[in-house]
């Protein structure tokens, strides 16, 4: 009865179009009031909401969002694109390779898939199409390459997962670095194949060593940000939250005084946008904490663990089933919403099967990113459409070979825990 009330009311509210955070909170309150098996007061919801935000790791989310927004609007996109193009611009399809590399560099700054798509797409897409690159392929590659944003650290979804499970943020970032690099190489291999198959343009312009060094020097301030964040965490000198706050300071220094493309006047809308984005994420986390507590308190989680354990599933089979469930949820729910809803339900079961917390975290993180590329709720596709003016169907068709490569890496992660724990060992 309690389970039906909890998940039934939540599903109805979602169908009616109620925002995810409100749906979680109202479903929790409805169940406490209406279920005869629950005897606690509704005041416990407020306690759990505020308790869910009592974590220093959660503060890192707001700082990462702010740092990413400052750097996005601070002129780094052009420097990263120029540096990436100086590395791979002289081969057939070189601009496509530069697009993938630029997305990888930018991913280490923003941690956001749609932000990566818009920032790099607005710099490269029009120029690539003008010189002969296929419009649908270019937009499709942009969609999938933007998916490096939440995988290459820092990553907001990984911080959320670590908050929900108690996993190490640093270990999640290490795993994401290796997997993100693997995805990047896979995309560049596919680009090479299609560049020759479909005769994409080849630049005859040779990048000299001097030009390479100039572009590298210009990109150093931007490239320093991931070094500050990851170096601080892995050296043990800084917590993830402290690293994120220092990243904000460095972003301000770069935007205001080095690149000089952000003014003091620009900071007000940047801070307001960051506050709105952070508040949305934190509100979802807060109400999901109350939802998850009721799920556990009512005994539903224990019953679910017992039921799945009774099926005698292997850890690999469970991971495979979970990955399919998360991919389905990702088609109609935003990534962080999927994580805060499903992780408290699925992690106790995964833990009982002896699944590594980092391995499970990468399954959750990557599946959520794939959701940004799959209609109908495909924020990467919408972002690429705003840049390219192409229809969703055209972009989906163009992204297919790159999407298949991305999904192939995902299932390697699902089936072989080694991919997630390689750098940890």
Protein backbone atom coordinates (compact mmCIF):
# COMPACT_ATOMS: atom_id res chain seq x y z
CA UNK A 1 0.00 0.00 0.00
CA UNK A 2 2.72 2.45 1.01
CA UNK A 3 4.82 1.69 -2.05
CA UNK A 4 1.84 2.11 -4.38
CA UNK A 5 0.98 5.46 -2.79
CA UNK A 6 4.57 6.72 -2.88
CA UNK A 7 5.47 5.79 -6.45
CA UNK A 8 1.93 6.09 -7.82
CA UNK A 9 1.46 9.68 -6.64
CA UNK A 10 4.96 10.55 -7.85
CA UNK A 11 4.26 9.11 -11.32
CA UNK A 12 0.90 10.92 -11.59
CA UNK A 13 2.49 14.25 -10.66
CA UNK A 14 5.22 13.76 -13.27
CA UNK A 15 2.64 12.95 -15.94
CA UNK A 16 0.76 16.12 -15.00
CA UNK A 17 3.94 18.12 -15.59
CA UNK A 18 4.71 19.02 -11.98
CA UNK A 19 8.44 19.82 -11.55
CA UNK A 20 10.50 16.87 -10.33
CA UNK A 21 11.45 18.45 -6.99
CA UNK A 22 7.83 19.32 -6.16
CA UNK A 23 6.67 15.87 -7.30
CA UNK A 24 9.09 14.19 -4.89
CA UNK A 25 8.05 16.39 -1.96
CA UNK A 26 4.29 16.18 -2.58
CA UNK A 27 4.44 12.39 -3.12
CA UNK A 28 6.25 12.02 0.19
CA UNK A 29 3.72 14.20 2.04
CA UNK A 30 0.74 12.43 0.42
CA UNK A 31 2.07 9.02 1.46
CA UNK A 32 2.70 10.06 5.07
CA UNK A 33 -0.83 11.50 5.34
CA UNK A 34 -2.72 8.76 3.48
CA UNK A 35 -0.86 5.55 4.32
CA UNK A 36 -2.19 3.67 7.37
CA UNK A 37 1.22 2.05 7.82
CA UNK A 38 3.08 5.36 8.37
CA UNK A 39 2.64 6.92 11.80
CA UNK A 40 5.16 9.78 11.68
CA UNK A 41 4.24 13.47 11.44
CA UNK A 42 4.53 15.37 8.15
CA UNK A 43 6.98 17.69 9.96
CA UNK A 44 9.59 14.99 9.37
CA UNK A 45 9.64 16.09 5.70
CA UNK A 46 11.09 19.48 6.62
CA UNK A 47 13.65 17.80 8.87
CA UNK A 48 14.74 15.45 6.11
CA UNK A 49 14.85 18.20 3.47
CA UNK A 50 17.19 20.34 5.53
CA UNK A 51 19.13 17.29 6.70
CA UNK A 52 19.70 16.28 3.09
CA UNK A 53 21.58 19.50 2.47
CA UNK A 54 23.86 19.19 5.51
CA UNK A 55 26.86 18.03 3.53
CA UNK A 56 30.00 19.92 2.63
CA UNK A 57 30.22 17.97 -0.63
CA UNK A 58 26.95 19.51 -1.77
CA UNK A 59 28.52 22.97 -1.53
CA UNK A 60 30.90 21.91 -4.30
CA UNK A 61 27.96 21.76 -6.74
CA UNK A 62 27.20 25.47 -6.41
CA UNK A 63 30.88 26.40 -6.74
CA UNK A 64 31.40 24.19 -9.82
CA UNK A 65 28.31 25.69 -11.47
CA UNK A 66 29.55 29.24 -10.77
CA UNK A 67 33.12 28.52 -11.93
CA UNK A 68 31.83 26.90 -15.12
CA UNK A 69 29.56 29.85 -15.93
CA UNK A 70 32.34 32.38 -15.37
CA UNK A 71 34.74 30.45 -17.61
CA UNK A 72 32.04 29.84 -20.24
CA UNK A 73 31.48 33.58 -20.63
CA UNK A 74 35.10 34.54 -20.05
CA UNK A 75 36.54 33.90 -23.52
CA UNK A 76 37.98 30.45 -22.97
CA UNK A 77 36.09 28.71 -25.79
CA UNK A 78 38.05 30.45 -28.54
CA UNK A 79 41.43 29.73 -26.88
CA UNK A 80 40.58 26.07 -26.41
CA UNK A 81 39.36 25.71 -30.00
CA UNK A 82 42.50 27.38 -31.40
CA UNK A 83 44.73 25.16 -29.27
CA UNK A 84 42.84 21.99 -30.24
CA UNK A 85 42.94 22.92 -33.92
CA UNK A 86 46.70 23.49 -33.74
CA UNK A 87 47.07 19.87 -32.55
CA UNK A 88 44.89 18.04 -35.11
CA UNK A 89 43.86 20.64 -37.71
CA UNK A 90 46.08 19.42 -40.55
CA UNK A 91 44.51 16.01 -41.24
CA UNK A 92 41.36 15.07 -43.17
CA UNK A 93 38.40 15.89 -40.98
CA UNK A 94 40.77 17.83 -38.75
CA UNK A 95 38.13 20.33 -37.66
CA UNK A 96 35.98 17.45 -36.43
CA UNK A 97 38.93 16.15 -34.40
CA UNK A 98 39.37 19.68 -33.07
CA UNK A 99 35.69 19.73 -32.10
CA UNK A 100 36.09 16.51 -30.05
CA UNK A 101 39.28 17.78 -28.40
CA UNK A 102 37.73 21.16 -27.66
CA UNK A 103 34.75 19.47 -26.01
CA UNK A 104 37.14 17.37 -23.92
CA UNK A 105 39.07 20.46 -22.82
CA UNK A 106 35.89 22.39 -22.10
CA UNK A 107 34.44 19.41 -20.23
CA UNK A 108 37.25 19.79 -17.71
CA UNK A 109 35.99 23.31 -17.02
CA UNK A 110 32.19 23.22 -17.14
CA UNK A 111 31.09 19.73 -16.08
CA UNK A 112 27.89 20.32 -18.09
CA UNK A 113 26.90 18.58 -21.32
CA UNK A 114 24.58 21.25 -22.82
CA UNK A 115 27.00 24.04 -21.83
CA UNK A 116 29.77 22.21 -23.69
CA UNK A 117 27.57 21.76 -26.78
CA UNK A 118 26.60 25.44 -26.93
CA UNK A 119 30.05 26.85 -26.12
CA UNK A 120 31.98 24.76 -28.66
CA UNK A 121 29.18 24.57 -31.22
CA UNK A 122 28.81 28.34 -31.41
CA UNK A 123 32.53 28.58 -32.14
CA UNK A 124 32.91 25.79 -34.71
CA UNK A 125 29.65 24.65 -36.29
CA UNK A 126 29.02 27.44 -38.85
CA UNK A 127 32.65 27.53 -40.02
CA UNK A 128 32.76 23.75 -40.43
CA UNK A 129 29.58 23.64 -42.51
CA UNK A 130 30.79 26.55 -44.70
CA UNK A 131 33.97 24.70 -45.68
CA UNK A 132 32.12 21.49 -46.57
CA UNK A 133 31.53 19.38 -43.45
CA UNK A 134 28.12 17.59 -43.51
CA UNK A 135 25.69 19.62 -41.38
CA UNK A 136 23.93 16.63 -39.79
CA UNK A 137 27.17 14.78 -39.01
CA UNK A 138 28.74 17.90 -37.50
CA UNK A 139 25.71 18.60 -35.30
CA UNK A 140 25.53 14.92 -34.32
CA UNK A 141 29.21 14.84 -33.40
CA UNK A 142 28.67 17.98 -31.33
CA UNK A 143 25.82 16.30 -29.42
CA UNK A 144 27.87 13.22 -28.54
CA UNK A 145 31.14 15.05 -27.87
CA UNK A 146 29.23 17.34 -25.52
CA UNK A 147 28.55 14.18 -23.53
CA UNK A 148 32.15 14.33 -22.35
CA UNK A 149 31.09 17.25 -20.12
CA UNK A 150 29.71 15.27 -17.17
CA UNK A 151 32.27 12.43 -17.52
CA UNK A 152 35.63 14.21 -17.61
CA UNK A 153 36.01 15.79 -14.15
CA UNK A 154 34.89 17.95 -12.54
CA UNK A 155 31.40 16.51 -12.86
CA UNK A 156 28.27 17.69 -11.08
CA UNK A 157 26.49 14.35 -11.51
CA UNK A 158 29.43 12.57 -9.85
CA UNK A 159 29.33 14.95 -6.89
CA UNK A 160 25.59 14.28 -6.54
CA UNK A 161 26.16 10.51 -6.67
CA UNK A 162 28.97 10.73 -4.09
CA UNK A 163 26.67 12.73 -1.81
CA UNK A 164 23.94 10.10 -2.09
CA UNK A 165 26.18 7.07 -1.50
CA UNK A 166 29.15 8.34 0.49
CA UNK A 167 31.55 7.46 -2.35
CA UNK A 168 34.83 9.35 -2.69
CA UNK A 169 34.50 12.31 -5.06
CA UNK A 170 38.20 12.02 -5.87
CA UNK A 171 37.86 8.35 -6.85
CA UNK A 172 34.82 9.15 -8.99
CA UNK A 173 36.83 11.85 -10.77
CA UNK A 174 39.77 9.47 -11.35
CA UNK A 175 37.47 6.89 -12.90
CA UNK A 176 35.75 9.54 -15.01
CA UNK A 177 39.09 10.76 -16.33
CA UNK A 178 40.01 7.33 -17.73
CA UNK A 179 36.55 6.62 -19.16
CA UNK A 180 36.26 10.13 -20.62
CA UNK A 181 39.63 9.69 -22.35
CA UNK A 182 38.45 6.32 -23.73
CA UNK A 183 35.29 7.91 -25.13
CA UNK A 184 37.30 10.75 -26.67
CA UNK A 185 39.65 8.32 -28.47
CA UNK A 186 36.67 6.24 -29.67
CA UNK A 187 34.98 9.33 -31.14
CA UNK A 188 38.17 10.41 -32.89
CA UNK A 189 38.59 6.94 -34.43
CA UNK A 190 35.00 7.07 -35.74
CA UNK A 191 35.63 10.60 -37.05
CA UNK A 192 38.69 9.34 -38.95
CA UNK A 193 36.67 6.52 -40.54
CA UNK A 194 33.82 8.79 -41.67
CA UNK A 195 36.16 11.59 -42.74
CA UNK A 196 37.66 9.29 -45.39
CA UNK A 197 34.40 7.46 -46.15
CA UNK A 198 32.40 10.66 -46.78
CA UNK A 199 35.35 12.77 -48.04
CA UNK A 200 35.26 15.46 -45.35
CA UNK A 201 37.47 18.52 -46.01
CA UNK A 202 41.17 18.49 -45.36
CA UNK A 203 43.02 21.65 -44.43
CA UNK A 204 46.19 22.29 -46.42
CA UNK A 205 47.29 24.91 -43.93
CA UNK A 206 50.26 23.74 -41.89
CA UNK A 207 50.45 24.77 -38.27
CA UNK A 208 53.97 25.87 -37.44
CA UNK A 209 55.65 25.17 -34.13
CA UNK A 210 55.54 28.88 -33.36
CA UNK A 211 51.75 29.03 -33.90
CA UNK A 212 51.28 25.92 -31.79
CA UNK A 213 53.28 27.43 -28.93
CA UNK A 214 51.37 30.73 -29.17
CA UNK A 215 48.01 28.92 -29.02
CA UNK A 216 49.24 26.77 -26.15
CA UNK A 217 50.40 29.79 -24.14
CA UNK A 218 47.05 31.52 -24.71
CA UNK A 219 45.21 28.39 -23.51
CA UNK A 220 47.32 27.90 -20.36
CA UNK A 221 45.08 30.00 -18.04
CA UNK A 222 42.05 27.96 -19.12
CA UNK A 223 43.89 24.63 -18.88
CA UNK A 224 45.08 25.51 -15.38
CA UNK A 225 41.56 25.20 -13.97
CA UNK A 226 41.29 21.38 -14.10
CA UNK A 227 44.86 21.16 -12.83
CA UNK A 228 43.91 23.29 -9.81
CA UNK A 229 40.76 21.29 -9.12
CA UNK A 230 42.14 17.78 -9.62
CA UNK A 231 45.60 18.55 -8.28
CA UNK A 232 44.13 19.94 -5.08
CA UNK A 233 41.92 16.88 -4.57
CA UNK A 234 44.44 14.17 -5.48
CA UNK A 235 47.28 15.75 -3.52
CA UNK A 236 45.15 15.70 -0.41
CA UNK A 237 45.68 19.43 0.15
CA UNK A 238 42.07 20.34 -0.65
CA UNK A 239 38.64 18.78 -0.32
CA UNK A 240 36.42 18.78 -3.42
CA UNK A 241 34.48 21.73 -1.99
CA UNK A 242 37.66 23.72 -1.31
CA UNK A 243 38.95 22.94 -4.80
CA UNK A 244 35.65 24.11 -6.29
CA UNK A 245 35.79 27.39 -4.36
CA UNK A 246 39.38 28.02 -5.47
CA UNK A 247 38.25 27.26 -9.04
CA UNK A 248 35.77 30.14 -8.73
CA UNK A 249 38.57 32.48 -7.63
CA UNK A 250 40.80 31.38 -10.52
CA UNK A 251 37.92 31.74 -12.97
CA UNK A 252 37.42 35.32 -11.81
CA UNK A 253 41.13 36.09 -12.18
CA UNK A 254 41.21 34.63 -15.71
CA UNK A 255 37.97 36.27 -16.87
CA UNK A 256 38.58 39.70 -15.33
CA UNK A 257 42.35 40.20 -15.54
CA UNK A 258 43.92 37.72 -18.02
CA UNK A 259 41.44 37.31 -20.88
CA UNK A 260 39.55 40.47 -19.84
CA UNK A 261 36.31 39.28 -21.44
CA UNK A 262 34.27 39.45 -18.24
CA UNK A 263 33.53 42.75 -16.51
CA UNK A 264 32.33 43.42 -12.98
CA UNK A 265 28.95 44.33 -14.49
CA UNK A 266 28.78 40.88 -16.15
CA UNK A 267 29.19 39.13 -12.80
CA UNK A 268 25.69 40.00 -11.58
CA UNK A 269 23.78 38.01 -14.28
CA UNK A 270 26.41 35.22 -14.10
CA UNK A 271 25.92 34.86 -10.34
CA UNK A 272 22.11 35.00 -10.71
CA UNK A 273 22.15 32.30 -13.42
CA UNK A 274 24.45 30.15 -11.29
CA UNK A 275 22.24 30.62 -8.24
CA UNK A 276 19.16 29.52 -10.20
CA UNK A 277 20.91 26.43 -11.59
CA UNK A 278 22.34 25.49 -8.20
CA UNK A 279 19.02 26.05 -6.43
CA UNK A 280 17.26 23.76 -8.89
CA UNK A 281 19.80 20.98 -8.32
CA UNK A 282 19.83 21.41 -4.53
CA UNK A 283 16.02 21.50 -4.32
CA UNK A 284 15.85 18.18 -6.18
CA UNK A 285 18.46 16.67 -3.85
CA UNK A 286 16.66 18.00 -0.75
CA UNK A 287 13.21 16.63 -1.61
CA UNK A 288 14.67 13.36 -2.87
CA UNK A 289 16.28 12.91 0.55
CA UNK A 290 12.83 12.97 2.19
CA UNK A 291 11.47 10.65 -0.52
CA UNK A 292 14.36 8.20 -0.05
CA UNK A 293 14.02 8.29 3.75
CA UNK A 294 10.35 7.33 3.53
CA UNK A 295 11.21 4.62 1.02
CA UNK A 296 13.66 3.15 3.53
CA UNK A 297 11.62 3.84 6.70
CA UNK A 298 8.53 2.11 5.31
CA UNK A 299 10.49 -1.09 4.67
CA UNK A 300 9.99 -1.00 0.90
CA UNK A 301 13.75 -0.94 0.28
CA UNK A 302 14.29 -4.04 2.45
CA UNK A 303 11.52 -5.87 0.62
CA UNK A 304 12.98 -4.88 -2.73
CA UNK A 305 16.49 -6.00 -1.74
CA UNK A 306 15.11 -9.33 -0.50
CA UNK A 307 13.05 -9.83 -3.67
CA UNK A 308 15.96 -9.16 -6.04
CA UNK A 309 18.39 -11.16 -3.90
CA UNK A 310 15.93 -14.06 -4.14
CA UNK A 311 16.33 -14.02 -7.91
CA UNK A 312 19.99 -15.03 -7.45
CA UNK A 313 21.15 -12.52 -10.04
CA UNK A 314 24.87 -12.20 -10.60
CA UNK A 315 26.44 -8.78 -10.06
CA UNK A 316 27.01 -8.47 -13.83
CA UNK A 317 23.41 -9.31 -14.70
CA UNK A 318 22.14 -6.85 -12.11
CA UNK A 319 24.37 -4.10 -13.54
CA UNK A 320 23.09 -4.90 -17.02
CA UNK A 321 19.45 -4.70 -15.91
CA UNK A 322 20.10 -1.46 -14.01
CA UNK A 323 21.83 0.08 -17.03
CA UNK A 324 18.80 -0.61 -19.23
CA UNK A 325 16.44 0.83 -16.56
CA UNK A 326 18.56 3.97 -16.25
CA UNK A 327 18.74 4.39 -20.03
CA UNK A 328 14.94 4.20 -20.21
CA UNK A 329 14.52 6.71 -17.38
CA UNK A 330 17.07 8.97 -19.07
CA UNK A 331 14.84 9.36 -22.12
CA UNK A 332 12.20 11.28 -20.16
CA UNK A 333 13.88 12.51 -16.94
CA UNK A 334 16.74 14.97 -16.47
CA UNK A 335 20.00 13.29 -15.38
CA UNK A 336 20.30 14.57 -11.82
CA UNK A 337 16.61 13.86 -11.21
CA UNK A 338 17.15 10.26 -12.38
CA UNK A 339 20.15 9.88 -10.07
CA UNK A 340 18.48 11.22 -6.94
CA UNK A 341 15.40 9.11 -7.61
CA UNK A 342 17.02 5.81 -8.54
CA UNK A 343 20.32 5.67 -6.64
CA UNK A 344 18.78 5.44 -3.13
CA UNK A 345 16.58 2.61 -4.44
CA UNK A 346 19.22 0.68 -6.37
CA UNK A 347 22.43 1.24 -4.41
CA UNK A 348 21.46 -0.90 -1.35
CA UNK A 349 20.78 -3.79 -3.73
CA UNK A 350 24.06 -3.25 -5.58
CA UNK A 351 25.87 -3.08 -2.25
CA UNK A 352 24.33 -6.40 -1.16
CA UNK A 353 25.68 -7.99 -4.34
CA UNK A 354 29.20 -6.70 -3.65
CA UNK A 355 29.28 -4.19 -6.51
CA UNK A 356 31.98 -1.54 -6.18
CA UNK A 357 30.57 1.89 -5.35
CA UNK A 358 32.73 3.59 -8.02
CA UNK A 359 31.78 1.05 -10.69
CA UNK A 360 28.10 1.56 -9.91
CA UNK A 361 28.63 5.31 -9.88
CA UNK A 362 30.07 5.30 -13.38
CA UNK A 363 27.11 3.26 -14.63
CA UNK A 364 24.77 5.89 -13.16
CA UNK A 365 26.81 8.83 -14.47
CA UNK A 366 27.29 7.61 -18.05
CA UNK A 367 23.70 6.39 -18.44
CA UNK A 368 22.50 9.83 -17.38
CA UNK A 369 24.70 11.46 -20.02
CA UNK A 370 23.33 9.13 -22.70
CA UNK A 371 19.90 10.41 -21.69
CA UNK A 372 20.95 13.89 -22.86
CA UNK A 373 21.35 12.47 -26.38
CA UNK A 374 18.15 10.41 -26.60
CA UNK A 375 14.73 11.95 -27.39
CA UNK A 376 12.33 13.16 -26.16
CA UNK A 377 14.19 14.80 -23.24
CA UNK A 378 17.50 15.30 -25.04
CA UNK A 379 19.03 18.57 -23.86
CA UNK A 380 22.18 18.04 -25.95
CA UNK A 381 20.12 17.66 -29.11
CA UNK A 382 18.06 20.75 -28.27
CA UNK A 383 21.29 22.67 -27.59
CA UNK A 384 22.80 21.52 -30.90
CA UNK A 385 19.57 22.40 -32.68
CA UNK A 386 19.74 25.95 -31.32
CA UNK A 387 23.27 26.22 -32.75
CA UNK A 388 22.70 24.45 -36.08
CA UNK A 389 18.99 25.22 -36.76
CA UNK A 390 18.56 21.58 -37.80
CA UNK A 391 15.53 19.48 -36.82
CA UNK A 392 15.83 16.82 -34.13
CA UNK A 393 15.42 13.99 -36.67
CA UNK A 394 18.32 15.26 -38.79
CA UNK A 395 20.61 15.53 -35.76
CA UNK A 396 19.63 12.08 -34.46
CA UNK A 397 20.46 10.58 -37.87
CA UNK A 398 23.79 12.41 -38.02
CA UNK A 399 24.85 11.44 -34.49
CA UNK A 400 24.16 7.71 -34.88
CA UNK A 401 27.72 6.37 -35.54
CA UNK A 402 29.17 8.49 -32.72
CA UNK A 403 26.27 7.61 -30.40
CA UNK A 404 26.87 3.89 -31.03
CA UNK A 405 30.54 4.33 -30.10
CA UNK A 406 29.59 6.16 -26.89
CA UNK A 407 27.08 3.46 -25.92
CA UNK A 408 29.66 0.74 -26.69
CA UNK A 409 32.04 2.26 -24.12
CA UNK A 410 29.15 2.45 -21.66
CA UNK A 411 28.44 -1.26 -21.92
CA UNK A 412 32.14 -2.06 -21.57
CA UNK A 413 31.97 -0.16 -18.28
CA UNK A 414 28.81 -2.06 -17.28
CA UNK A 415 30.21 -5.51 -18.06
CA UNK A 416 33.83 -5.01 -16.98
CA UNK A 417 34.36 -3.24 -13.63
CA UNK A 418 38.06 -2.91 -14.54
CA UNK A 419 37.19 0.07 -16.75
CA UNK A 420 35.83 1.93 -13.73
CA UNK A 421 38.51 0.96 -11.22
CA UNK A 422 41.61 0.95 -13.46
CA UNK A 423 43.14 4.16 -12.09
CA UNK A 424 42.10 3.31 -8.52
CA UNK A 425 44.21 0.17 -8.50
